[in-house]
Protein backbone atom coordinates (compact mmCIF):
# COMPACT_ATOMS: atom_id res chain seq x y z
CA MET A 1 -27.58 8.07 -77.54
CA ALA A 2 -26.99 7.45 -73.80
CA ILE A 3 -23.74 8.64 -72.23
CA ALA A 4 -21.78 5.75 -70.71
CA GLY A 5 -20.06 7.97 -68.19
CA ARG A 6 -16.52 7.40 -66.91
CA VAL A 7 -15.06 4.17 -68.34
CA ALA A 8 -11.32 4.71 -67.88
CA ILE A 9 -9.29 4.20 -64.72
CA VAL A 10 -7.88 7.44 -63.33
CA PRO A 11 -4.73 7.04 -61.18
CA LYS A 12 -4.87 9.21 -58.04
CA GLY A 13 -1.71 8.11 -56.29
CA ASP A 14 -1.66 7.35 -52.56
CA TRP A 15 -5.01 7.36 -50.79
CA SER A 16 -5.68 10.52 -48.76
CA ALA A 17 -8.18 10.89 -45.92
CA ASP A 18 -8.69 14.51 -46.99
CA ALA A 19 -9.77 13.79 -50.56
CA THR A 20 -13.01 12.77 -52.28
CA TYR A 21 -12.89 10.27 -55.13
CA LYS A 22 -14.99 9.48 -58.21
CA ARG A 23 -15.94 6.15 -59.72
CA LEU A 24 -12.92 4.30 -61.18
CA ASP A 25 -10.40 6.50 -59.38
CA ALA A 26 -7.42 4.29 -58.48
CA VAL A 27 -5.43 4.77 -55.26
CA THR A 28 -2.71 2.85 -53.48
CA TYR A 29 -2.64 2.13 -49.76
CA ASN A 30 -0.19 -0.12 -47.95
CA ASN A 31 1.26 -1.19 -51.31
CA THR A 32 -2.18 -2.36 -52.44
CA LEU A 33 -4.22 -0.99 -55.39
CA TYR A 34 -7.88 0.00 -54.86
CA PHE A 35 -10.59 1.19 -57.31
CA ALA A 36 -13.49 3.43 -56.33
CA LYS A 37 -16.85 1.76 -57.00
CA LYS A 38 -18.74 5.04 -56.85
CA GLU A 39 -18.46 8.57 -55.48
CA VAL A 40 -16.35 8.28 -52.30
CA PRO A 41 -16.93 10.79 -49.50
CA VAL A 42 -13.92 12.41 -47.86
CA GLY A 43 -12.25 10.28 -45.18
CA THR A 44 -13.69 6.94 -46.40
CA ALA A 45 -10.98 4.32 -45.76
CA THR A 46 -10.02 1.76 -48.40
CA SER A 47 -11.21 -0.99 -46.04
CA ASN A 48 -14.80 0.15 -46.67
CA THR A 49 -15.92 -2.38 -49.29
CA GLU A 50 -19.05 -0.39 -50.11
CA TYR A 51 -16.89 2.22 -51.84
CA TRP A 52 -13.58 0.46 -52.65
CA SER A 53 -12.61 -2.65 -54.53
CA LYS A 54 -9.22 -4.24 -53.82
CA SER A 55 -7.40 -5.08 -57.04
CA ILE A 56 -3.73 -5.93 -56.54
CA VAL A 57 -2.18 -6.83 -53.18
CA GLY A 58 1.20 -5.21 -52.66
CA GLY A 59 4.54 -6.94 -52.81
CA VAL A 60 7.45 -7.20 -50.39
CA GLY A 61 6.83 -3.85 -48.76
CA ALA A 62 3.23 -4.49 -47.72
CA ILE A 63 2.40 -4.60 -43.99
CA ALA A 64 0.54 -7.73 -42.92
CA THR A 65 -3.15 -7.47 -42.00
CA LYS A 66 -5.70 -9.98 -40.72
CA GLU A 67 -6.72 -10.65 -44.33
CA ASP A 68 -3.42 -10.34 -46.25
CA ALA A 69 0.10 -11.61 -45.84
CA GLY A 70 2.89 -9.07 -45.56
CA ILE A 71 5.59 -7.66 -43.30
CA VAL A 72 5.26 -8.17 -39.52
CA LYS A 73 7.36 -5.68 -37.57
CA PRO A 74 8.73 -6.90 -34.21
CA ALA A 75 7.58 -4.98 -31.14
CA ASP A 76 9.89 -3.50 -28.49
CA GLY A 77 12.11 -6.19 -26.97
CA LEU A 78 11.85 -8.39 -30.07
CA SER A 79 14.27 -8.69 -32.98
CA ILE A 80 14.81 -10.82 -36.07
CA ALA A 81 18.07 -12.79 -36.31
CA GLU A 82 20.00 -13.31 -39.58
CA ASP A 83 18.47 -16.76 -39.90
CA GLY A 84 14.98 -15.22 -39.73
CA THR A 85 14.17 -16.49 -36.23
CA LEU A 86 12.56 -14.29 -33.60
CA LYS A 87 14.68 -13.19 -30.63
CA VAL A 88 13.56 -11.80 -27.27
CA SER A 89 15.66 -9.31 -25.29
CA ILE A 90 15.18 -9.32 -21.50
CA ASP A 91 17.34 -7.00 -19.37
CA GLY A 92 20.12 -7.08 -21.94
CA THR A 93 20.03 -10.86 -22.44
CA THR A 94 18.88 -12.14 -25.85
CA LEU A 95 16.92 -15.40 -25.91
CA THR A 96 15.56 -17.55 -28.71
CA MET A 97 11.88 -18.46 -28.65
CA ASP A 98 12.86 -22.03 -27.66
CA GLN A 99 14.71 -20.62 -24.64
CA VAL A 100 11.73 -18.43 -23.77
CA ASN A 101 9.42 -21.42 -23.92
CA ASN A 102 11.78 -23.39 -21.65
CA VAL A 103 11.76 -20.54 -19.12
CA ILE A 104 7.95 -20.46 -19.16
CA LYS A 105 7.81 -24.23 -18.67
CA LEU A 106 10.28 -24.00 -15.76
CA ALA A 107 8.24 -21.21 -14.15
CA ASP A 108 5.07 -23.29 -14.45
CA THR A 109 6.85 -26.31 -12.95
CA LEU A 110 8.15 -24.26 -10.00
CA LYS A 111 4.73 -22.73 -9.46
CA ASP A 112 3.10 -26.16 -9.36
CA ALA A 113 5.81 -27.51 -7.04
CA ILE A 114 5.56 -24.57 -4.61
CA ASN A 115 1.78 -24.64 -4.62
CA GLY A 116 1.86 -28.41 -4.09
CA ALA A 117 4.18 -28.08 -1.08
CA PHE A 118 2.36 -25.10 0.34
CA PRO A 119 -1.00 -24.38 -1.31
CA ALA A 120 -2.01 -20.74 -1.65
CA ALA A 121 -5.31 -21.68 -0.01
CA ASN A 122 -3.33 -22.38 3.19
CA VAL A 123 -2.29 -18.73 3.55
CA ALA A 124 -4.70 -17.11 5.99
CA ASN A 125 -5.22 -13.34 5.97
CA ASN A 126 -6.42 -13.23 9.54
CA GLN A 127 -4.71 -12.22 12.77
CA ILE A 128 -3.95 -15.69 14.09
CA THR A 129 -4.06 -19.24 12.79
CA THR A 130 -3.71 -22.37 14.90
CA VAL A 131 -4.33 -24.93 12.17
CA GLU A 132 -1.30 -27.06 11.29
CA GLY A 133 -0.01 -26.36 7.79
CA PHE A 134 -1.45 -22.83 7.62
CA ALA A 135 0.51 -19.57 7.64
CA LEU A 136 -0.26 -15.88 8.09
CA ASP A 137 -0.54 -13.65 5.06
CA ALA A 138 2.53 -11.38 4.72
CA ARG A 139 0.25 -8.34 5.03
CA GLN A 140 -0.20 -9.20 8.70
CA ALA A 141 3.42 -8.03 9.24
CA ASN A 142 2.68 -4.53 7.88
CA PRO A 143 1.98 -2.05 10.73
CA ASN A 144 0.69 0.52 8.23
CA ILE A 145 -2.43 -1.49 7.33
CA ASP A 146 -5.39 -1.13 9.70
CA GLY A 147 -6.51 -4.36 11.32
CA THR A 148 -3.28 -6.30 10.78
CA LEU A 149 -1.52 -8.09 13.61
CA ALA A 150 1.51 -5.79 13.28
CA LYS A 151 -0.73 -2.70 13.46
CA GLN A 152 -2.38 -3.92 16.65
CA VAL A 153 0.99 -4.72 18.25
CA ALA A 154 2.29 -1.26 17.32
CA ASP A 155 -0.82 0.40 18.78
CA LEU A 156 -0.50 -1.69 21.96
CA ASN A 157 3.15 -0.73 22.37
CA GLY A 158 2.25 2.93 21.96
CA SER A 159 -0.55 2.58 24.49
CA LEU A 160 1.74 0.88 27.01
CA LYS A 161 4.35 3.58 26.57
CA GLU A 162 1.77 6.28 27.29
CA ARG A 163 0.34 4.41 30.26
CA LEU A 164 3.68 3.62 31.88
CA ALA A 165 5.20 7.06 31.51
CA ALA A 166 2.87 9.98 32.16
CA PRO A 167 4.31 13.50 31.78
CA SER A 168 5.96 14.90 34.91
CA PHE A 169 4.20 17.54 37.01
CA PHE A 170 6.17 20.50 38.44
CA THR A 171 4.65 22.53 41.26
CA THR A 172 5.01 26.31 41.44
CA ASP A 173 3.94 29.02 43.87
CA ALA A 174 0.61 29.19 42.03
CA THR A 175 -0.03 25.40 42.15
CA THR A 176 -3.06 24.28 44.15
CA THR A 177 -4.02 20.90 45.58
CA SER A 178 -6.78 20.69 42.99
CA ASP A 179 -4.18 21.05 40.22
CA ILE A 180 -2.30 18.01 41.53
CA LYS A 181 -5.51 16.00 41.96
CA ASP A 182 -6.45 16.81 38.37
CA TYR A 183 -3.00 15.65 37.19
CA ILE A 184 -3.36 12.32 39.04
CA LEU A 185 -6.94 11.77 37.85
CA LYS A 186 -6.06 12.57 34.24
CA ASN A 187 -3.25 10.00 34.20
CA LEU A 188 -4.96 7.10 35.96
CA ASN A 189 -5.23 4.12 33.66
CA ARG A 190 -6.53 0.64 34.24
CA GLY A 191 -3.52 -1.47 35.26
CA ILE A 192 -0.03 -0.16 36.08
CA SER A 193 1.21 3.35 35.38
CA TYR A 194 3.94 5.72 36.55
CA LEU A 195 3.65 9.33 37.70
CA GLN A 196 6.18 11.94 38.77
CA ILE A 197 5.43 15.00 40.89
CA TYR A 198 8.32 17.40 41.28
CA ASP A 199 6.97 19.05 44.43
CA GLN A 200 9.75 21.43 45.36
CA LYS A 201 7.14 23.80 46.82
CA SER A 202 5.53 21.17 49.13
CA LYS A 203 2.13 21.80 47.61
CA PHE A 204 0.99 18.18 47.95
CA PHE A 205 3.48 16.38 50.16
CA GLU A 206 4.68 17.89 53.44
CA SER A 207 8.32 17.42 52.45
CA PRO A 208 9.64 18.93 49.22
CA GLY A 209 11.23 16.66 46.68
CA ASN A 210 11.02 14.65 43.48
CA TRP A 211 8.21 12.18 44.16
CA LEU A 212 8.14 9.03 42.04
CA ILE A 213 4.77 7.26 42.12
CA VAL A 214 3.81 3.75 40.99
CA VAL A 215 0.06 3.41 40.46
CA LEU A 216 -2.09 0.26 40.48
CA SER A 217 -5.48 1.23 39.07
CA GLN A 218 -8.76 -0.62 39.11
CA ASP A 219 -10.28 1.95 36.80
CA SER A 220 -10.01 5.65 35.99
CA THR A 221 -10.80 6.70 39.59
CA ALA A 222 -10.03 3.83 41.99
CA SER A 223 -6.34 3.17 42.54
CA ALA A 224 -3.58 2.45 45.06
CA MET A 225 -0.31 4.39 44.81
CA PHE A 226 3.14 4.01 46.28
CA ALA A 227 5.19 7.24 46.36
CA ILE A 228 8.83 7.70 47.29
CA ASN A 229 10.73 10.96 47.60
CA HIS A 230 13.91 10.62 45.62
CA TRP A 231 15.50 13.39 47.69
CA ASP A 232 15.12 12.13 51.25
CA GLY A 233 13.74 8.60 50.82
CA SER A 234 10.45 9.27 52.61
CA THR A 235 7.52 7.15 51.41
CA LYS A 236 3.76 7.47 51.18
CA LEU A 237 0.81 5.21 50.48
CA LEU A 238 -2.06 6.85 48.62
CA ARG A 239 -5.42 5.65 47.42
CA SER A 240 -7.95 7.37 45.20
CA VAL A 241 -11.69 6.78 45.30
CA LEU A 242 -14.87 8.31 43.97
CA GLU A 243 -17.15 9.16 46.91
CA ASP A 244 -20.55 10.74 46.34
CA GLY A 245 -19.39 11.80 42.88
CA VAL A 246 -16.26 13.50 44.25
CA PHE A 247 -12.73 12.27 43.42
CA LYS A 248 -10.75 11.99 46.67
CA ILE A 249 -7.18 11.03 47.53
CA TYR A 250 -6.17 9.63 50.93
CA MET A 251 -2.54 9.57 52.04
CA GLN A 252 -0.59 7.93 54.85
CA THR A 253 3.09 7.98 55.75
CA ILE A 254 5.22 4.83 55.85
CA SER A 255 8.04 4.89 58.41
CA THR A 256 11.26 3.64 56.84
CA SER A 257 14.98 4.01 57.43
CA ASP A 258 17.80 3.90 54.92
CA VAL A 259 20.36 1.12 55.14
CA HIS A 260 23.57 1.75 53.27
CA ILE A 261 24.52 -1.43 51.38
CA MET A 262 27.16 -0.23 48.93
């Protein structure tokens, strides 16, 4: 006579991922009863219909799934009121879902109104715009982003500061005329610049003093300079040129006399 094999249900308690099960073993998972259809390898979840057959869906304590009704737990920021309605907590303020929907509708209305009055397409992320009704992107005001208008203005201001105020030059016993020529040549910039030679040793000018020099430059070698000695008021006109590949400076004295006005 043939042996029928296992014919009785064998309760195994809660399903365990670490256990193997035999045919007709019964387990519970999420308040739902399952029967093993055949030998079940270790770790085979009850959702695997090849091995498990769902028998009785759990009661009040079961957690809802896509297939079965059950408990739905509110996420962070959500709560269930005594009347069973869902509440939303935002920065300490509790709102009903109707209030949340009204806020969303208001936000959409404001968005449409703002975009209608000033369309996002009319914001230009370039350096200038001359078209009526267009505005610059706010990023253009950030000097820390390369290529923005603010960055270029900041760079220009820094360049002007460097060009208008070169470092002062102080002569010593060891200073040569070449040293002073190198200082002037190094600090010539196209446009207007300012130099200061503190020539207390008369290494460049025949009279010692603090010489303040305004420079009008055509380029990095050709320029005209006006120098005045802050000590005695004497003045000089200088010009620099590049002749036969050699940087030269010509100087002439301007005769002036002080007139006391205050």
